[in-house]
């Protein structure tokens, strides 16, 4: 049996974010956002950098190995479909730290379609 995808769709990882992590382009902004959450959960820094818009991409990314991502809720979307040029996804991501702390990251992320691929532009936390 295959483990469920970290992005909380209930689908098996290979049929969900696994195929995007393997190189398939995300069909929508929300699919990219879910795959990026899964990449954080799985420690896939290279994928996160590869799906970051070049105008806002950091030179490197150090993920906190002590953080465990425990759940994702997509709260709202604006545009971001296959025929749109931009999209916005608001979400809440639950986490637990190595020291036992826990919390929820709330972000409103902006995405742009560039050369047929959705890319993360930036986000604001609330």
PDB file of N, CA and C in Angstrom:
ATOM      1  N   UNK A   1       0.847  -1.191   0.000  1.00  0.00           N
ATOM      2  CA  UNK A   1       0.000   0.000   0.000  1.00  0.00           C
ATOM      3  C   UNK A   1       0.884   1.242   0.000  1.00  0.00           C
ATOM      4  N   UNK A   2       0.486   2.235  -0.739  1.00  0.00           N
ATOM      5  CA  UNK A   2       1.240   3.474  -0.847  1.00  0.00           C
ATOM      6  C   UNK A   2       0.758   4.474   0.199  1.00  0.00           C
ATOM      7  N   UNK A   3       1.702   5.202   0.769  1.00  0.00           N
ATOM      8  CA  UNK A   3       1.384   6.222   1.766  1.00  0.00           C
ATOM      9  C   UNK A   3       0.550   7.345   1.132  1.00  0.00           C
ATOM     10  N   UNK A   4      -0.370   7.944   1.908  1.00  0.00           N
ATOM     11  CA  UNK A   4      -1.123   9.078   1.383  1.00  0.00           C
ATOM     12  C   UNK A   4      -0.217  10.294   1.195  1.00  0.00           C
ATOM     13  N   UNK A   5      -0.584  11.138   0.286  1.00  0.00           N
ATOM     14  CA  UNK A   5       0.193  12.343   0.003  1.00  0.00           C
ATOM     15  C   UNK A   5       0.146  13.279   1.207  1.00  0.00           C
ATOM     16  N   UNK A   6       1.272  13.915   1.531  1.00  0.00           N
ATOM     17  CA  UNK A   6       1.283  14.862   2.660  1.00  0.00           C
ATOM     18  C   UNK A   6       0.320  16.034   2.493  1.00  0.00           C
ATOM     19  N   UNK A   7      -0.109  16.341   1.263  1.00  0.00           N
ATOM     20  CA  UNK A   7      -0.934  17.535   1.030  1.00  0.00           C
ATOM     21  C   UNK A   7      -2.396  17.360   1.427  1.00  0.00           C
ATOM     22  N   UNK A   8      -2.735  16.214   1.997  1.00  0.00           N
ATOM     23  CA  UNK A   8      -4.079  15.974   2.553  1.00  0.00           C
ATOM     24  C   UNK A   8      -5.202  15.850   1.528  1.00  0.00           C
ATOM     25  N   UNK A   9      -4.896  15.432   0.299  1.00  0.00           N
ATOM     26  CA  UNK A   9      -5.971  15.166  -0.664  1.00  0.00           C
ATOM     27  C   UNK A   9      -6.598  13.804  -0.422  1.00  0.00           C
ATOM     28  N   UNK A  10      -5.866  12.930   0.282  1.00  0.00           N
ATOM     29  CA  UNK A  10      -6.322  11.567   0.468  1.00  0.00           C
ATOM     30  C   UNK A  10      -5.839  10.637  -0.628  1.00  0.00           C
ATOM     31  N   UNK A  11      -5.208  11.186  -1.659  1.00  0.00           N
ATOM     32  CA  UNK A  11      -4.683  10.371  -2.758  1.00  0.00           C
ATOM     33  C   UNK A  11      -3.321   9.803  -2.370  1.00  0.00           C
ATOM     34  N   UNK A  12      -2.937   8.682  -2.984  1.00  0.00           N
ATOM     35  CA  UNK A  12      -1.583   8.171  -2.759  1.00  0.00           C
ATOM     36  C   UNK A  12      -0.552   9.162  -3.307  1.00  0.00           C
ATOM     37  N   UNK A  13       0.578   9.270  -2.616  1.00  0.00           N
ATOM     38  CA  UNK A  13       1.627  10.210  -3.016  1.00  0.00           C
ATOM     39  C   UNK A  13       2.010  10.096  -4.501  1.00  0.00           C
ATOM     40  N   UNK A  14       2.247   8.883  -5.053  1.00  0.00           N
ATOM     41  CA  UNK A  14       2.656   8.816  -6.469  1.00  0.00           C
ATOM     42  C   UNK A  14       1.604   9.365  -7.441  1.00  0.00           C
ATOM     43  N   UNK A  15       0.338   9.287  -7.088  1.00  0.00           N
ATOM     44  CA  UNK A  15      -0.732   9.765  -7.958  1.00  0.00           C
ATOM     45  C   UNK A  15      -1.080  11.229  -7.705  1.00  0.00           C
ATOM     46  N   UNK A  16      -0.441  11.825  -6.723  1.00  0.00           N
ATOM     47  CA  UNK A  16      -0.738  13.204  -6.341  1.00  0.00           C
ATOM     48  C   UNK A  16       0.517  14.049  -6.551  1.00  0.00           C
ATOM     49  N   UNK A  17       1.126  14.508  -5.489  1.00  0.00           N
ATOM     50  CA  UNK A  17       2.298  15.376  -5.594  1.00  0.00           C
ATOM     51  C   UNK A  17       3.546  14.657  -6.083  1.00  0.00           C
ATOM     52  N   UNK A  18       3.611  13.351  -5.927  1.00  0.00           N
ATOM     53  CA  UNK A  18       4.774  12.600  -6.374  1.00  0.00           C
ATOM     54  C   UNK A  18       5.068  12.781  -7.849  1.00  0.00           C
ATOM     55  N   UNK A  19       4.033  12.836  -8.667  1.00  0.00           N
ATOM     56  CA  UNK A  19       4.261  13.012 -10.115  1.00  0.00           C
ATOM     57  C   UNK A  19       4.760  14.426 -10.430  1.00  0.00           C
ATOM     58  N   UNK A  20       4.356  15.408  -9.637  1.00  0.00           N
ATOM     59  CA  UNK A  20       4.854  16.773  -9.833  1.00  0.00           C
ATOM     60  C   UNK A  20       6.300  16.864  -9.362  1.00  0.00           C
ATOM     61  N   UNK A  21       6.599  16.217  -8.244  1.00  0.00           N
ATOM     62  CA  UNK A  21       7.980  16.192  -7.747  1.00  0.00           C
ATOM     63  C   UNK A  21       8.905  15.482  -8.738  1.00  0.00           C
ATOM     64  N   UNK A  22       8.347  14.582  -9.525  1.00  0.00           N
ATOM     65  CA  UNK A  22       9.139  13.855 -10.526  1.00  0.00           C
ATOM     66  C   UNK A  22       9.310  14.640 -11.830  1.00  0.00           C
ATOM     67  N   UNK A  23       8.679  15.825 -11.940  1.00  0.00           N
ATOM     68  CA  UNK A  23       8.898  16.667 -13.106  1.00  0.00           C
ATOM     69  C   UNK A  23       7.679  17.062 -13.911  1.00  0.00           C
ATOM     70  N   UNK A  24       6.534  16.464 -13.633  1.00  0.00           N
ATOM     71  CA  UNK A  24       5.324  16.839 -14.367  1.00  0.00           C
ATOM     72  C   UNK A  24       4.892  18.232 -13.928  1.00  0.00           C
ATOM     73  N   UNK A  25       4.532  19.123 -14.862  1.00  0.00           N
ATOM     74  CA  UNK A  25       4.089  20.469 -14.474  1.00  0.00           C
ATOM     75  C   UNK A  25       2.748  20.439 -13.745  1.00  0.00           C
ATOM     76  N   UNK A  26       2.614  21.299 -12.770  1.00  0.00           N
ATOM     77  CA  UNK A  26       1.344  21.423 -12.047  1.00  0.00           C
ATOM     78  C   UNK A  26       0.300  22.035 -12.984  1.00  0.00           C
ATOM     79  N   UNK A  27      -0.915  21.473 -13.028  1.00  0.00           N
ATOM     80  CA  UNK A  27      -1.933  21.996 -13.931  1.00  0.00           C
ATOM     81  C   UNK A  27      -2.584  23.294 -13.462  1.00  0.00           C
ATOM     82  N   UNK A  28      -2.508  23.572 -12.160  1.00  0.00           N
ATOM     83  CA  UNK A  28      -3.129  24.766 -11.586  1.00  0.00           C
ATOM     84  C   UNK A  28      -2.243  25.329 -10.482  1.00  0.00           C
ATOM     85  N   UNK A  29      -2.549  26.554 -10.078  1.00  0.00           N
ATOM     86  CA  UNK A  29      -1.808  27.172  -8.975  1.00  0.00           C
ATOM     87  C   UNK A  29      -2.022  26.397  -7.679  1.00  0.00           C
ATOM     88  N   UNK A  30      -3.233  25.923  -7.425  1.00  0.00           N
ATOM     89  CA  UNK A  30      -3.479  25.187  -6.177  1.00  0.00           C
ATOM     90  C   UNK A  30      -2.739  23.849  -6.187  1.00  0.00           C
ATOM     91  N   UNK A  31      -2.627  23.211  -7.335  1.00  0.00           N
ATOM     92  CA  UNK A  31      -1.850  21.962  -7.412  1.00  0.00           C
ATOM     93  C   UNK A  31      -0.380  22.236  -7.108  1.00  0.00           C
ATOM     94  N   UNK A  32       0.142  23.348  -7.617  1.00  0.00           N
ATOM     95  CA  UNK A  32       1.533  23.694  -7.306  1.00  0.00           C
ATOM     96  C   UNK A  32       1.693  23.996  -5.822  1.00  0.00           C
ATOM     97  N   UNK A  33       0.746  24.726  -5.245  1.00  0.00           N
ATOM     98  CA  UNK A  33       0.834  25.043  -3.823  1.00  0.00           C
ATOM     99  C   UNK A  33       0.825  23.760  -2.995  1.00  0.00           C
ATOM    100  N   UNK A  34      -0.051  22.823  -3.325  1.00  0.00           N
ATOM    101  CA  UNK A  34      -0.097  21.554  -2.599  1.00  0.00           C
ATOM    102  C   UNK A  34       1.226  20.794  -2.742  1.00  0.00           C
ATOM    103  N   UNK A  35       1.783  20.798  -3.949  1.00  0.00           N
ATOM    104  CA  UNK A  35       3.043  20.083  -4.169  1.00  0.00           C
ATOM    105  C   UNK A  35       4.189  20.753  -3.423  1.00  0.00           C
ATOM    106  N   UNK A  36       4.144  22.057  -3.279  1.00  0.00           N
ATOM    107  CA  UNK A  36       5.178  22.754  -2.521  1.00  0.00           C
ATOM    108  C   UNK A  36       5.035  22.461  -1.021  1.00  0.00           C
ATOM    109  N   UNK A  37       3.804  22.394  -0.528  1.00  0.00           N
ATOM    110  CA  UNK A  37       3.612  21.992   0.870  1.00  0.00           C
ATOM    111  C   UNK A  37       4.201  20.602   1.085  1.00  0.00           C
ATOM    112  N   UNK A  38       3.891  19.680   0.183  1.00  0.00           N
ATOM    113  CA  UNK A  38       4.430  18.317   0.291  1.00  0.00           C
ATOM    114  C   UNK A  38       5.949  18.326   0.225  1.00  0.00           C
ATOM    115  N   UNK A  39       6.498  19.200  -0.603  1.00  0.00           N
ATOM    116  CA  UNK A  39       7.965  19.296  -0.696  1.00  0.00           C
ATOM    117  C   UNK A  39       8.556  19.781   0.626  1.00  0.00           C
ATOM    118  N   UNK A  40       7.905  20.730   1.283  1.00  0.00           N
ATOM    119  CA  UNK A  40       8.365  21.142   2.609  1.00  0.00           C
ATOM    120  C   UNK A  40       8.288  19.959   3.570  1.00  0.00           C
ATOM    121  N   UNK A  41       7.170  19.230   3.533  1.00  0.00           N
ATOM    122  CA  UNK A  41       6.981  18.098   4.440  1.00  0.00           C
ATOM    123  C   UNK A  41       8.016  17.000   4.205  1.00  0.00           C
ATOM    124  N   UNK A  42       8.446  16.842   2.951  1.00  0.00           N
ATOM    125  CA  UNK A  42       9.385  15.773   2.593  1.00  0.00           C
ATOM    126  C   UNK A  42      10.837  16.241   2.506  1.00  0.00           C
ATOM    127  N   UNK A  43      11.069  17.539   2.713  1.00  0.00           N
ATOM    128  CA  UNK A  43      12.431  18.064   2.677  1.00  0.00           C
ATOM    129  C   UNK A  43      13.020  18.189   1.284  1.00  0.00           C
ATOM    130  N   UNK A  44      12.197  18.488   0.300  1.00  0.00           N
ATOM    131  CA  UNK A  44      12.637  18.578  -1.100  1.00  0.00           C
ATOM    132  C   UNK A  44      12.981  20.021  -1.479  1.00  0.00           C
ATOM    133  N   UNK A  45      14.076  20.533  -0.945  1.00  0.00           N
ATOM    134  CA  UNK A  45      14.473  21.923  -1.185  1.00  0.00           C
ATOM    135  C   UNK A  45      14.702  22.208  -2.668  1.00  0.00           C
ATOM    136  N   UNK A  46      15.276  21.273  -3.411  1.00  0.00           N
ATOM    137  CA  UNK A  46      15.521  21.495  -4.842  1.00  0.00           C
ATOM    138  C   UNK A  46      14.221  21.733  -5.598  1.00  0.00           C
ATOM    139  N   UNK A  47      13.173  20.988  -5.260  1.00  0.00           N
ATOM    140  CA  UNK A  47      11.874  21.179  -5.906  1.00  0.00           C
ATOM    141  C   UNK A  47      11.317  22.559  -5.571  1.00  0.00           C
ATOM    142  N   UNK A  48      11.441  22.956  -4.309  1.00  0.00           N
ATOM    143  CA  UNK A  48      10.938  24.268  -3.911  1.00  0.00           C
ATOM    144  C   UNK A  48      11.636  25.375  -4.693  1.00  0.00           C
ATOM    145  N   UNK A  49      12.940  25.291  -4.833  1.00  0.00           N
ATOM    146  CA  UNK A  49      13.678  26.308  -5.597  1.00  0.00           C
ATOM    147  C   UNK A  49      13.295  26.269  -7.078  1.00  0.00           C
ATOM    148  N   UNK A  50      13.119  25.080  -7.632  1.00  0.00           N
ATOM    149  CA  UNK A  50      12.783  24.940  -9.054  1.00  0.00           C
ATOM    150  C   UNK A  50      11.395  25.478  -9.380  1.00  0.00           C
ATOM    151  N   UNK A  51      10.509  25.520  -8.394  1.00  0.00           N
ATOM    152  CA  UNK A  51       9.146  26.001  -8.635  1.00  0.00           C
ATOM    153  C   UNK A  51       8.934  27.419  -8.114  1.00  0.00           C
ATOM    154  N   UNK A  52      10.016  28.109  -7.817  1.00  0.00           N
ATOM    155  CA  UNK A  52       9.985  29.491  -7.338  1.00  0.00           C
ATOM    156  C   UNK A  52      10.264  30.411  -8.515  1.00  0.00           C
ATOM    157  N   UNK A  53       9.495  31.464  -8.670  1.00  0.00           N
ATOM    158  CA  UNK A  53       9.682  32.401  -9.779  1.00  0.00           C
ATOM    159  C   UNK A  53      11.085  33.007  -9.707  1.00  0.00           C
ATOM    160  N   UNK A  54      11.794  33.094 -10.840  1.00  0.00           N
ATOM    161  CA  UNK A  54      13.177  33.584 -10.809  1.00  0.00           C
ATOM    162  C   UNK A  54      13.334  35.003 -10.266  1.00  0.00           C
ATOM    163  N   UNK A  55      12.289  35.828 -10.341  1.00  0.00           N
ATOM    164  CA  UNK A  55      12.403  37.199  -9.846  1.00  0.00           C
ATOM    165  C   UNK A  55      12.375  37.293  -8.325  1.00  0.00           C
ATOM    166  N   UNK A  56      11.908  36.236  -7.652  1.00  0.00           N
ATOM    167  CA  UNK A  56      11.819  36.265  -6.188  1.00  0.00           C
ATOM    168  C   UNK A  56      12.517  35.071  -5.526  1.00  0.00           C
ATOM    169  N   UNK A  57      13.101  34.189  -6.308  1.00  0.00           N
ATOM    170  CA  UNK A  57      13.741  32.972  -5.790  1.00  0.00           C
ATOM    171  C   UNK A  57      15.004  33.308  -5.000  1.00  0.00           C
ATOM    172  N   UNK A  58      15.132  32.746  -3.796  1.00  0.00           N
ATOM    173  CA  UNK A  58      16.380  32.933  -3.049  1.00  0.00           C
ATOM    174  C   UNK A  58      17.502  32.107  -3.682  1.00  0.00           C
ATOM    175  N   UNK A  59      18.721  32.447  -3.372  1.00  0.00           N
ATOM    176  CA  UNK A  59      19.872  31.718  -3.914  1.00  0.00           C
ATOM    177  C   UNK A  59      19.946  30.306  -3.354  1.00  0.00           C
ATOM    178  N   UNK A  60      19.498  30.124  -2.113  1.00  0.00           N
ATOM    179  CA  UNK A  60      19.502  28.800  -1.498  1.00  0.00           C
ATOM    180  C   UNK A  60      18.355  28.737  -0.500  1.00  0.00           C
ATOM    181  N   UNK A  61      18.098  27.536  -0.029  1.00  0.00           N
ATOM    182  CA  UNK A  61      16.997  27.332   0.897  1.00  0.00           C
ATOM    183  C   UNK A  61      17.411  26.273   1.913  1.00  0.00           C
ATOM    184  N   UNK A  62      17.399  26.644   3.179  1.00  0.00           N
ATOM    185  CA  UNK A  62      17.711  25.710   4.252  1.00  0.00           C
ATOM    186  C   UNK A  62      16.420  25.371   4.980  1.00  0.00           C
ATOM    187  N   UNK A  63      15.989  24.123   4.880  1.00  0.00           N
ATOM    188  CA  UNK A  63      14.769  23.691   5.545  1.00  0.00           C
ATOM    189  C   UNK A  63      15.090  23.254   6.970  1.00  0.00           C
ATOM    190  N   UNK A  64      14.186  23.530   7.882  1.00  0.00           N
ATOM    191  CA  UNK A  64      14.357  23.153   9.280  1.00  0.00           C
ATOM    192  C   UNK A  64      13.957  21.693   9.445  1.00  0.00           C
ATOM    193  N   UNK A  65      14.935  20.832   9.631  1.00  0.00           N
ATOM    194  CA  UNK A  65      14.679  19.394   9.774  1.00  0.00           C
ATOM    195  C   UNK A  65      13.877  19.078  11.036  1.00  0.00           C
ATOM    196  N   UNK A  66      13.833  20.001  11.983  1.00  0.00           N
ATOM    197  CA  UNK A  66      13.092  19.777  13.212  1.00  0.00           C
ATOM    198  C   UNK A  66      11.613  20.098  13.110  1.00  0.00           C
ATOM    199  N   UNK A  67      11.179  20.649  11.985  1.00  0.00           N
ATOM    200  CA  UNK A  67       9.775  20.985  11.797  1.00  0.00           C
ATOM    201  C   UNK A  67       9.078  19.852  11.058  1.00  0.00           C
ATOM    202  N   UNK A  68       7.969  19.404  11.615  1.00  0.00           N
ATOM    203  CA  UNK A  68       7.132  18.399  10.963  1.00  0.00           C
ATOM    204  C   UNK A  68       5.842  19.076  10.541  1.00  0.00           C
ATOM    205  N   UNK A  69       5.544  19.024   9.265  1.00  0.00           N
ATOM    206  CA  UNK A  69       4.305  19.608   8.744  1.00  0.00           C
ATOM    207  C   UNK A  69       3.200  18.582   8.926  1.00  0.00           C
ATOM    208  N   UNK A  70       2.110  18.975   9.594  1.00  0.00           N
ATOM    209  CA  UNK A  70       1.110  18.010  10.039  1.00  0.00           C
ATOM    210  C   UNK A  70      -0.253  18.145   9.381  1.00  0.00           C
ATOM    211  N   UNK A  71      -0.469  19.142   8.549  1.00  0.00           N
ATOM    212  CA  UNK A  71      -1.771  19.260   7.895  1.00  0.00           C
ATOM    213  C   UNK A  71      -1.873  20.502   7.049  1.00  0.00           C
ATOM    214  N   UNK A  72      -2.695  20.413   6.012  1.00  0.00           N
ATOM    215  CA  UNK A  72      -2.889  21.520   5.084  1.00  0.00           C
ATOM    216  C   UNK A  72      -4.372  21.725   4.835  1.00  0.00           C
ATOM    217  N   UNK A  73      -4.796  22.987   4.869  1.00  0.00           N
ATOM    218  CA  UNK A  73      -6.167  23.357   4.519  1.00  0.00           C
ATOM    219  C   UNK A  73      -6.092  24.481   3.502  1.00  0.00           C
ATOM    220  N   UNK A  74      -6.638  24.260   2.315  1.00  0.00           N
ATOM    221  CA  UNK A  74      -6.753  25.316   1.314  1.00  0.00           C
ATOM    222  C   UNK A  74      -8.013  26.102   1.664  1.00  0.00           C
ATOM    223  N   UNK A  75      -7.828  27.388   1.952  1.00  0.00           N
ATOM    224  CA  UNK A  75      -8.940  28.210   2.424  1.00  0.00           C
ATOM    225  C   UNK A  75      -9.644  28.964   1.303  1.00  0.00           C
ATOM    226  N   UNK A  76      -8.898  29.398   0.301  1.00  0.00           N
ATOM    227  CA  UNK A  76      -9.503  30.150  -0.805  1.00  0.00           C
ATOM    228  C   UNK A  76      -8.563  30.157  -1.995  1.00  0.00           C
ATOM    229  N   UNK A  77      -9.141  30.281  -3.171  1.00  0.00           N
ATOM    230  CA  UNK A  77      -8.346  30.426  -4.392  1.00  0.00           C
ATOM    231  C   UNK A  77      -8.948  31.540  -5.237  1.00  0.00           C
ATOM    232  N   UNK A  78      -8.073  32.204  -5.973  1.00  0.00           N
ATOM    233  CA  UNK A  78      -8.497  33.223  -6.936  1.00  0.00           C
ATOM    234  C   UNK A  78      -7.759  32.923  -8.233  1.00  0.00           C
ATOM    235  N   UNK A  79      -8.505  32.691  -9.296  1.00  0.00           N
ATOM    236  CA  UNK A  79      -7.927  32.351 -10.600  1.00  0.00           C
ATOM    237  C   UNK A  79      -6.980  31.148 -10.429  1.00  0.00           C
ATOM    238  N   UNK A  80      -5.889  31.112 -11.198  1.00  0.00           N
ATOM    239  CA  UNK A  80      -4.932  30.024 -11.065  1.00  0.00           C
ATOM    240  C   UNK A  80      -5.284  28.763 -11.826  1.00  0.00           C
ATOM    241  N   UNK A  81      -6.247  28.845 -12.721  1.00  0.00           N
ATOM    242  CA  UNK A  81      -6.601  27.690 -13.548  1.00  0.00           C
ATOM    243  C   UNK A  81      -5.664  27.606 -14.745  1.00  0.00           C
ATOM    244  N   UNK A  82      -5.776  26.558 -15.509  1.00  0.00           N
ATOM    245  CA  UNK A  82      -4.888  26.323 -16.651  1.00  0.00           C
ATOM    246  C   UNK A  82      -4.912  27.476 -17.662  1.00  0.00           C
ATOM    247  N   UNK A  83      -6.002  28.198 -17.764  1.00  0.00           N
ATOM    248  CA  UNK A  83      -6.132  29.276 -18.739  1.00  0.00           C
ATOM    249  C   UNK A  83      -5.821  30.656 -18.159  1.00  0.00           C
ATOM    250  N   UNK A  84      -5.467  30.748 -16.882  1.00  0.00           N
ATOM    251  CA  UNK A  84      -5.138  32.017 -16.239  1.00  0.00           C
ATOM    252  C   UNK A  84      -3.630  32.279 -16.299  1.00  0.00           C
ATOM    253  N   UNK A  85      -3.241  33.535 -16.160  1.00  0.00           N
ATOM    254  CA  UNK A  85      -1.826  33.901 -16.125  1.00  0.00           C
ATOM    255  C   UNK A  85      -1.293  34.004 -14.699  1.00  0.00           C
ATOM    256  N   UNK A  86      -2.201  34.242 -13.757  1.00  0.00           N
ATOM    257  CA  UNK A  86      -1.819  34.370 -12.357  1.00  0.00           C
ATOM    258  C   UNK A  86      -2.860  33.676 -11.485  1.00  0.00           C
ATOM    259  N   UNK A  87      -2.504  33.473 -10.242  1.00  0.00           N
ATOM    260  CA  UNK A  87      -3.431  32.883  -9.297  1.00  0.00           C
ATOM    261  C   UNK A  87      -3.011  33.184  -7.873  1.00  0.00           C
ATOM    262  N   UNK A  88      -3.953  33.050  -6.963  1.00  0.00           N
ATOM    263  CA  UNK A  88      -3.703  33.268  -5.538  1.00  0.00           C
ATOM    264  C   UNK A  88      -4.319  32.089  -4.785  1.00  0.00           C
ATOM    265  N   UNK A  89      -3.581  31.582  -3.812  1.00  0.00           N
ATOM    266  CA  UNK A  89      -4.080  30.500  -2.963  1.00  0.00           C
ATOM    267  C   UNK A  89      -3.835  30.890  -1.503  1.00  0.00           C
ATOM    268  N   UNK A  90      -4.909  30.914  -0.728  1.00  0.00           N
ATOM    269  CA  UNK A  90      -4.796  31.153   0.715  1.00  0.00           C
ATOM    270  C   UNK A  90      -4.902  29.804   1.410  1.00  0.00           C
ATOM    271  N   UNK A  91      -3.987  29.550   2.351  1.00  0.00           N
ATOM    272  CA  UNK A  91      -3.973  28.253   3.014  1.00  0.00           C
ATOM    273  C   UNK A  91      -3.496  28.375   4.450  1.00  0.00           C
ATOM    274  N   UNK A  92      -3.758  27.311   5.208  1.00  0.00           N
ATOM    275  CA  UNK A  92      -3.244  27.154   6.562  1.00  0.00           C
ATOM    276  C   UNK A  92      -2.469  25.851   6.595  1.00  0.00           C
ATOM    277  N   UNK A  93      -1.255  25.897   7.132  1.00  0.00           N
ATOM    278  CA  UNK A  93      -0.410  24.710   7.247  1.00  0.00           C
ATOM    279  C   UNK A  93      -0.025  24.522   8.710  1.00  0.00           C
ATOM    280  N   UNK A  94      -0.384  23.397   9.263  1.00  0.00           N
ATOM    281  CA  UNK A  94      -0.077  23.093  10.663  1.00  0.00           C
ATOM    282  C   UNK A  94       1.311  22.483  10.758  1.00  0.00           C
ATOM    283  N   UNK A  95       1.994  22.787  11.872  1.00  0.00           N
ATOM    284  CA  UNK A  95       3.351  22.263  12.071  1.00  0.00           C
ATOM    285  C   UNK A  95       3.583  21.928  13.535  1.00  0.00           C
ATOM    286  N   UNK A  96       4.596  21.095  13.723  1.00  0.00           N
ATOM    287  CA  UNK A  96       5.044  20.737  15.068  1.00  0.00           C
ATOM    288  C   UNK A  96       6.565  20.815  15.062  1.00  0.00           C
ATOM    289  N   UNK A  97       7.128  21.444  16.071  1.00  0.00           N
ATOM    290  CA  UNK A  97       8.571  21.595  16.171  1.00  0.00           C
ATOM    291  C   UNK A  97       9.195  20.476  16.986  1.00  0.00           C
ATOM    292  N   UNK A  98      10.502  20.342  16.865  1.00  0.00           N
ATOM    293  CA  UNK A  98      11.244  19.320  17.597  1.00  0.00           C
ATOM    294  C   UNK A  98      11.125  19.504  19.106  1.00  0.00           C
ATOM    295  N   UNK A  99      10.900  20.745  19.533  1.00  0.00           N
ATOM    296  CA  UNK A  99      10.802  21.032  20.971  1.00  0.00           C
ATOM    297  C   UNK A  99       9.386  20.833  21.522  1.00  0.00           C
ATOM    298  N   UNK A 100       8.473  20.374  20.672  1.00  0.00           N
ATOM    299  CA  UNK A 100       7.099  20.127  21.107  1.00  0.00           C
ATOM    300  C   UNK A 100       6.143  21.266  20.829  1.00  0.00           C
ATOM    301  N   UNK A 101       6.672  22.428  20.428  1.00  0.00           N
ATOM    302  CA  UNK A 101       5.800  23.536  20.057  1.00  0.00           C
ATOM    303  C   UNK A 101       5.012  23.151  18.812  1.00  0.00           C
ATOM    304  N   UNK A 102       3.901  23.831  18.604  1.00  0.00           N
ATOM    305  CA  UNK A 102       3.124  23.613  17.391  1.00  0.00           C
ATOM    306  C   UNK A 102       2.456  24.924  17.004  1.00  0.00           C
ATOM    307  N   UNK A 103       1.973  24.982  15.793  1.00  0.00           N
ATOM    308  CA  UNK A 103       1.323  26.188  15.339  1.00  0.00           C
ATOM    309  C   UNK A 103       0.735  26.019  13.957  1.00  0.00           C
ATOM    310  N   UNK A 104       0.270  27.131  13.429  1.00  0.00           N
ATOM    311  CA  UNK A 104      -0.331  27.150  12.101  1.00  0.00           C
ATOM    312  C   UNK A 104       0.252  28.328  11.330  1.00  0.00           C
ATOM    313  N   UNK A 105       0.763  28.036  10.151  1.00  0.00           N
ATOM    314  CA  UNK A 105       1.233  29.073   9.233  1.00  0.00           C
ATOM    315  C   UNK A 105       0.085  29.395   8.294  1.00  0.00           C
ATOM    316  N   UNK A 106      -0.301  30.660   8.255  1.00  0.00           N
ATOM    317  CA  UNK A 106      -1.346  31.102   7.319  1.00  0.00           C
ATOM    318  C   UNK A 106      -0.674  31.996   6.278  1.00  0.00           C
ATOM    319  N   UNK A 107      -0.924  31.658   5.013  1.00  0.00           N
ATOM    320  CA  UNK A 107      -0.285  32.424   3.937  1.00  0.00           C
ATOM    321  C   UNK A 107      -1.255  32.636   2.797  1.00  0.00           C
ATOM    322  N   UNK A 108      -1.098  33.771   2.156  1.00  0.00           N
ATOM    323  CA  UNK A 108      -1.798  34.083   0.906  1.00  0.00           C
ATOM    324  C   UNK A 108      -0.697  34.145  -0.143  1.00  0.00           C
ATOM    325  N   UNK A 109      -0.607  33.086  -0.963  1.00  0.00           N
ATOM    326  CA  UNK A 109       0.485  32.938  -1.934  1.00  0.00           C
ATOM    327  C   UNK A 109       0.058  33.397  -3.314  1.00  0.00           C
ATOM    328  N   UNK A 110       0.999  34.044  -4.008  1.00  0.00           N
ATOM    329  CA  UNK A 110       0.767  34.460  -5.401  1.00  0.00           C
ATOM    330  C   UNK A 110       1.563  33.556  -6.332  1.00  0.00           C
ATOM    331  N   UNK A 111       0.954  33.199  -7.443  1.00  0.00           N
ATOM    332  CA  UNK A 111       1.556  32.328  -8.444  1.00  0.00           C
ATOM    333  C   UNK A 111       1.438  32.963  -9.816  1.00  0.00           C
ATOM    334  N   UNK A 112       2.362  32.606 -10.708  1.00  0.00           N
ATOM    335  CA  UNK A 112       2.325  33.094 -12.084  1.00  0.00           C
ATOM    336  C   UNK A 112       2.648  31.935 -13.027  1.00  0.00           C
ATOM    337  N   UNK A 113       2.026  31.962 -14.180  1.00  0.00           N
ATOM    338  CA  UNK A 113       2.298  30.972 -15.216  1.00  0.00           C
ATOM    339  C   UNK A 113       3.406  31.528 -16.101  1.00  0.00           C
ATOM    340  N   UNK A 114       4.508  30.785 -16.215  1.00  0.00           N
ATOM    341  CA  UNK A 114       5.646  31.221 -17.032  1.00  0.00           C
ATOM    342  C   UNK A 114       6.120  30.048 -17.878  1.00  0.00           C
ATOM    343  N   UNK A 115       6.126  30.236 -19.176  1.00  0.00           N
ATOM    344  CA  UNK A 115       6.555  29.175 -20.094  1.00  0.00           C
ATOM    345  C   UNK A 115       5.797  27.870 -19.850  1.00  0.00           C
ATOM    346  N   UNK A 116       4.498  27.980 -19.598  1.00  0.00           N
ATOM    347  CA  UNK A 116       3.658  26.806 -19.415  1.00  0.00           C
ATOM    348  C   UNK A 116       3.763  26.127 -18.068  1.00  0.00           C
ATOM    349  N   UNK A 117       4.461  26.734 -17.118  1.00  0.00           N
ATOM    350  CA  UNK A 117       4.616  26.137 -15.781  1.00  0.00           C
ATOM    351  C   UNK A 117       4.197  27.142 -14.715  1.00  0.00           C
ATOM    352  N   UNK A 118       3.448  26.658 -13.732  1.00  0.00           N
ATOM    353  CA  UNK A 118       3.097  27.492 -12.595  1.00  0.00           C
ATOM    354  C   UNK A 118       4.304  27.634 -11.689  1.00  0.00           C
ATOM    355  N   UNK A 119       4.535  28.865 -11.216  1.00  0.00           N
ATOM    356  CA  UNK A 119       5.641  29.153 -10.314  1.00  0.00           C
ATOM    357  C   UNK A 119       5.145  29.979  -9.131  1.00  0.00           C
ATOM    358  N   UNK A 120       5.716  29.727  -7.959  1.00  0.00           N
ATOM    359  CA  UNK A 120       5.413  30.489  -6.760  1.00  0.00           C
ATOM    360  C   UNK A 120       6.139  31.838  -6.874  1.00  0.00           C
ATOM    361  N   UNK A 121       5.405  32.930  -6.665  1.00  0.00           N
ATOM    362  CA  UNK A 121       5.994  34.272  -6.722  1.00  0.00           C
ATOM    363  C   UNK A 121       6.360  34.736  -5.317  1.00  0.00           C
ATOM    364  N   UNK A 122       5.369  34.833  -4.442  1.00  0.00           N
ATOM    365  CA  UNK A 122       5.610  35.263  -3.071  1.00  0.00           C
ATOM    366  C   UNK A 122       4.348  35.035  -2.257  1.00  0.00           C
ATOM    367  N   UNK A 123       4.444  35.326  -0.967  1.00  0.00           N
ATOM    368  CA  UNK A 123       3.307  35.152  -0.107  1.00  0.00           C
ATOM    369  C   UNK A 123       3.342  36.095   1.073  1.00  0.00           C
ATOM    370  N   UNK A 124       2.169  36.388   1.603  1.00  0.00           N
ATOM    371  CA  UNK A 124       2.061  37.209   2.807  1.00  0.00           C
ATOM    372  C   UNK A 124       1.437  36.360   3.903  1.00  0.00           C
ATOM    373  N   UNK A 125       2.010  36.468   5.097  1.00  0.00           N
ATOM    374  CA  UNK A 125       1.523  35.697   6.240  1.00  0.00           C
ATOM    375  C   UNK A 125       0.563  36.523   7.049  1.00  0.00           C
ATOM    376  N   UNK A 126      -0.401  35.845   7.628  1.00  0.00           N
ATOM    377  CA  UNK A 126      -1.371  36.552   8.497  1.00  0.00           C
ATOM    378  C   UNK A 126      -1.442  35.874   9.844  1.00  0.00           C
TER     379      UNK A 126
END
